[in-house]
Every structure is written in C-alpha cells, then in structure tokens.
C-alpha cells in the first residue's frame, strides 16, 4: 500500500472534515492538523514509521563505518608492505 492510500477514504474524509470544523480554534492550519491527527490514529503510525527508518539508517551507518575502517586498514597494510 502506498503512502497516499494508508488510510481509508472514510477516515481521510473524517479527518478533513474535523480539521475544517475546528480550524478557527487554532492559530494555523498545521496546528489544527497536529491536534486532530492523534484523534484519528495518524500520528502514531507516522512516529512508528519514522522510528523504523531511524533504526535502518543507524544500522546502515554502522555498516558503512565498519566497511570504511576495513578498507582504510587494507590501504595502510598495502602501503607498509610496498
């Protein structure tokens, strides 16, 4: 399921309606969206997705650091033997 179809049309319609109805109670449209999103379950899923992405990026970063150290050591070993 792609990002735009994460929520059913009914949930999306309800969210838009809630934001429109309560827009005047907030200083900005974004503030209204942030307030209403947790009420329909959007925010929790987004946080979960971002946490998973952070874990994956940290893992990739660690792999790249280890690979970099490995290849740097190989270059140093080659220079010493020459």
N, C-alpha and C. Protein backbone atom coordinates (compact mmCIF):
# COMPACT_ATOMS: atom_id res chain seq x y z
N UNK A 1 0.85 -1.18 0.00
CA UNK A 1 0.00 0.00 0.00
C UNK A 1 0.89 1.24 0.00
N UNK A 2 0.63 2.15 -0.93
CA UNK A 2 1.49 3.33 -0.97
C UNK A 2 1.05 4.36 0.05
N UNK A 3 1.87 5.40 0.20
CA UNK A 3 1.63 6.40 1.26
C UNK A 3 0.27 7.07 1.15
N UNK A 4 -0.20 7.37 -0.06
CA UNK A 4 -1.45 8.10 -0.20
C UNK A 4 -2.66 7.25 0.13
N UNK A 5 -2.53 5.94 0.15
CA UNK A 5 -3.66 5.06 0.45
C UNK A 5 -3.55 4.40 1.81
N UNK A 6 -2.78 4.98 2.71
CA UNK A 6 -2.56 4.38 4.02
C UNK A 6 -3.85 4.31 4.83
N UNK A 7 -4.71 5.31 4.65
CA UNK A 7 -5.96 5.37 5.39
C UNK A 7 -7.13 5.27 4.42
N UNK A 8 -8.21 4.68 4.89
CA UNK A 8 -9.38 4.51 4.03
C UNK A 8 -9.97 5.87 3.67
N UNK A 9 -10.72 5.92 2.58
CA UNK A 9 -11.35 7.19 2.19
C UNK A 9 -12.26 7.76 3.29
N UNK A 10 -12.89 6.88 4.04
CA UNK A 10 -13.77 7.34 5.11
C UNK A 10 -12.98 8.05 6.21
N UNK A 11 -11.84 7.48 6.58
CA UNK A 11 -11.01 8.08 7.62
C UNK A 11 -10.45 9.41 7.13
N UNK A 12 -10.01 9.44 5.89
CA UNK A 12 -9.48 10.68 5.32
C UNK A 12 -10.56 11.77 5.29
N UNK A 13 -11.76 11.39 4.86
CA UNK A 13 -12.86 12.35 4.80
C UNK A 13 -13.18 12.88 6.20
N UNK A 14 -13.19 12.00 7.17
CA UNK A 14 -13.48 12.41 8.55
C UNK A 14 -12.40 13.37 9.06
N UNK A 15 -11.14 13.06 8.76
CA UNK A 15 -10.05 13.91 9.21
C UNK A 15 -10.15 15.30 8.59
N UNK A 16 -10.41 15.35 7.30
CA UNK A 16 -10.53 16.65 6.62
C UNK A 16 -11.69 17.44 7.20
N UNK A 17 -12.81 16.77 7.41
CA UNK A 17 -13.99 17.43 7.98
C UNK A 17 -13.68 17.98 9.39
N UNK A 18 -13.00 17.19 10.20
CA UNK A 18 -12.68 17.63 11.56
C UNK A 18 -11.76 18.85 11.54
N UNK A 19 -10.77 18.83 10.65
CA UNK A 19 -9.85 19.96 10.55
C UNK A 19 -10.60 21.21 10.12
N UNK A 20 -11.47 21.06 9.13
CA UNK A 20 -12.23 22.22 8.65
C UNK A 20 -13.16 22.77 9.73
N UNK A 21 -13.79 21.88 10.48
CA UNK A 21 -14.73 22.31 11.52
C UNK A 21 -14.02 23.02 12.67
N UNK A 22 -12.80 22.62 12.99
CA UNK A 22 -12.10 23.16 14.16
C UNK A 22 -10.97 24.12 13.80
N UNK A 23 -10.83 24.45 12.54
CA UNK A 23 -9.74 25.31 12.07
C UNK A 23 -9.69 26.63 12.83
N UNK A 24 -10.84 27.23 13.12
CA UNK A 24 -10.89 28.52 13.80
C UNK A 24 -10.41 28.50 15.24
N UNK A 25 -10.28 27.32 15.82
CA UNK A 25 -9.86 27.18 17.22
C UNK A 25 -8.33 27.16 17.36
N UNK A 26 -7.61 27.18 16.25
CA UNK A 26 -6.16 27.06 16.27
C UNK A 26 -5.52 28.22 15.52
N UNK A 27 -4.28 28.55 15.87
CA UNK A 27 -3.61 29.69 15.23
C UNK A 27 -3.23 29.45 13.76
N UNK A 28 -3.15 28.19 13.36
CA UNK A 28 -2.79 27.88 11.97
C UNK A 28 -3.44 26.57 11.55
N UNK A 29 -3.45 26.35 10.26
CA UNK A 29 -3.99 25.10 9.73
C UNK A 29 -3.17 23.91 10.25
N UNK A 30 -1.84 24.08 10.26
CA UNK A 30 -0.98 23.00 10.74
C UNK A 30 -1.25 22.66 12.20
N UNK A 31 -1.50 23.66 13.02
CA UNK A 31 -1.80 23.42 14.43
C UNK A 31 -3.08 22.60 14.56
N UNK A 32 -4.07 22.91 13.73
CA UNK A 32 -5.32 22.15 13.76
C UNK A 32 -5.07 20.70 13.34
N UNK A 33 -4.27 20.52 12.30
CA UNK A 33 -3.96 19.16 11.83
C UNK A 33 -3.22 18.38 12.90
N UNK A 34 -2.22 19.00 13.54
CA UNK A 34 -1.47 18.31 14.59
C UNK A 34 -2.34 17.92 15.77
N UNK A 35 -3.33 18.74 16.06
CA UNK A 35 -4.22 18.44 17.18
C UNK A 35 -5.18 17.29 16.85
N UNK A 36 -5.62 17.23 15.62
CA UNK A 36 -6.64 16.25 15.24
C UNK A 36 -6.02 14.91 14.82
N UNK A 37 -4.82 14.93 14.29
CA UNK A 37 -4.18 13.70 13.80
C UNK A 37 -4.16 12.58 14.83
N UNK A 38 -3.77 12.83 16.09
CA UNK A 38 -3.75 11.72 17.05
C UNK A 38 -5.14 11.16 17.32
N UNK A 39 -6.15 11.97 17.15
CA UNK A 39 -7.52 11.51 17.42
C UNK A 39 -7.99 10.49 16.39
N UNK A 40 -7.37 10.49 15.22
CA UNK A 40 -7.76 9.51 14.20
C UNK A 40 -6.66 8.48 13.94
N UNK A 41 -5.59 8.52 14.71
CA UNK A 41 -4.55 7.50 14.63
C UNK A 41 -3.45 7.76 13.62
N UNK A 42 -3.40 8.94 13.02
CA UNK A 42 -2.38 9.23 12.01
C UNK A 42 -1.00 9.38 12.64
N UNK A 43 -0.95 10.10 13.71
CA UNK A 43 0.35 10.47 14.29
C UNK A 43 1.10 9.26 14.79
N UNK A 44 0.42 8.32 15.42
CA UNK A 44 1.10 7.15 15.97
C UNK A 44 1.77 6.34 14.86
N UNK A 45 1.10 6.17 13.75
CA UNK A 45 1.67 5.42 12.63
C UNK A 45 2.87 6.15 12.06
N UNK A 46 2.79 7.45 11.95
CA UNK A 46 3.90 8.24 11.40
C UNK A 46 5.13 8.12 12.30
N UNK A 47 4.94 8.20 13.60
CA UNK A 47 6.05 8.06 14.56
C UNK A 47 6.66 6.67 14.43
N UNK A 48 5.81 5.66 14.33
CA UNK A 48 6.30 4.29 14.20
C UNK A 48 7.13 4.14 12.92
N UNK A 49 6.65 4.70 11.81
CA UNK A 49 7.39 4.64 10.55
C UNK A 49 8.73 5.35 10.66
N UNK A 50 8.73 6.52 11.28
CA UNK A 50 9.97 7.29 11.42
C UNK A 50 10.97 6.58 12.33
N UNK A 51 10.48 5.95 13.40
CA UNK A 51 11.38 5.21 14.29
C UNK A 51 12.02 4.04 13.55
N UNK A 52 11.24 3.35 12.72
CA UNK A 52 11.79 2.25 11.93
C UNK A 52 12.84 2.77 10.95
N UNK A 53 12.56 3.90 10.33
CA UNK A 53 13.52 4.49 9.39
C UNK A 53 14.82 4.88 10.10
N UNK A 54 14.72 5.44 11.29
CA UNK A 54 15.91 5.81 12.07
C UNK A 54 16.73 4.57 12.39
N UNK A 55 16.07 3.49 12.81
CA UNK A 55 16.79 2.24 13.10
C UNK A 55 17.54 1.74 11.87
N UNK A 56 16.87 1.76 10.72
CA UNK A 56 17.50 1.30 9.49
C UNK A 56 18.69 2.18 9.10
N UNK A 57 18.53 3.48 9.25
CA UNK A 57 19.62 4.39 8.91
C UNK A 57 20.81 4.23 9.86
N UNK A 58 20.53 4.02 11.13
CA UNK A 58 21.63 3.80 12.08
C UNK A 58 22.38 2.52 11.76
N UNK A 59 21.63 1.49 11.40
CA UNK A 59 22.25 0.22 11.04
C UNK A 59 23.12 0.39 9.79
N UNK A 60 22.61 1.08 8.79
CA UNK A 60 23.37 1.32 7.57
C UNK A 60 24.62 2.15 7.86
N UNK A 61 24.48 3.15 8.73
CA UNK A 61 25.61 3.99 9.10
C UNK A 61 26.70 3.16 9.78
N UNK A 62 26.31 2.27 10.66
CA UNK A 62 27.28 1.42 11.36
C UNK A 62 28.00 0.50 10.37
N UNK A 63 27.25 -0.05 9.43
CA UNK A 63 27.85 -0.92 8.41
C UNK A 63 28.87 -0.13 7.59
N UNK A 64 28.50 1.09 7.20
CA UNK A 64 29.41 1.92 6.41
C UNK A 64 30.67 2.29 7.20
N UNK A 65 30.52 2.57 8.48
CA UNK A 65 31.69 2.88 9.32
C UNK A 65 32.64 1.69 9.38
N UNK A 66 32.09 0.50 9.58
CA UNK A 66 32.91 -0.70 9.66
C UNK A 66 33.60 -0.98 8.32
N UNK A 67 32.86 -0.81 7.23
CA UNK A 67 33.44 -1.03 5.91
C UNK A 67 34.55 -0.02 5.64
N UNK A 68 34.32 1.21 6.02
CA UNK A 68 35.32 2.26 5.83
C UNK A 68 36.59 1.94 6.61
N UNK A 69 36.45 1.51 7.83
CA UNK A 69 37.61 1.16 8.66
C UNK A 69 38.35 -0.04 8.06
N UNK A 70 37.59 -1.02 7.57
CA UNK A 70 38.19 -2.20 6.96
C UNK A 70 39.04 -1.82 5.75
N UNK A 71 38.46 -1.00 4.85
CA UNK A 71 39.19 -0.63 3.65
C UNK A 71 40.34 0.32 3.94
N UNK A 72 40.20 1.18 4.92
CA UNK A 72 41.30 2.06 5.31
C UNK A 72 42.47 1.23 5.83
N UNK A 73 42.17 0.21 6.62
CA UNK A 73 43.22 -0.67 7.14
C UNK A 73 43.89 -1.43 6.00
N UNK A 74 43.13 -1.86 5.02
CA UNK A 74 43.69 -2.58 3.88
C UNK A 74 44.65 -1.68 3.10
N UNK A 75 44.29 -0.42 2.94
CA UNK A 75 45.17 0.52 2.23
C UNK A 75 46.45 0.73 3.02
N UNK A 76 46.35 0.89 4.33
CA UNK A 76 47.54 1.06 5.16
C UNK A 76 48.43 -0.16 5.10
N UNK A 77 47.85 -1.34 5.16
CA UNK A 77 48.64 -2.58 5.08
C UNK A 77 49.38 -2.67 3.75
N UNK A 78 48.74 -2.27 2.66
CA UNK A 78 49.36 -2.32 1.35
C UNK A 78 50.54 -1.35 1.27
N UNK A 79 50.39 -0.17 1.87
CA UNK A 79 51.46 0.81 1.84
C UNK A 79 52.68 0.34 2.64
N UNK A 80 52.44 -0.30 3.75
CA UNK A 80 53.55 -0.78 4.61
C UNK A 80 54.32 -1.89 3.89
N UNK A 81 53.62 -2.78 3.19
CA UNK A 81 54.26 -3.91 2.51
C UNK A 81 55.03 -3.48 1.28
N UNK A 82 54.69 -2.34 0.70
CA UNK A 82 55.35 -1.89 -0.55
C UNK A 82 56.75 -1.41 -0.32
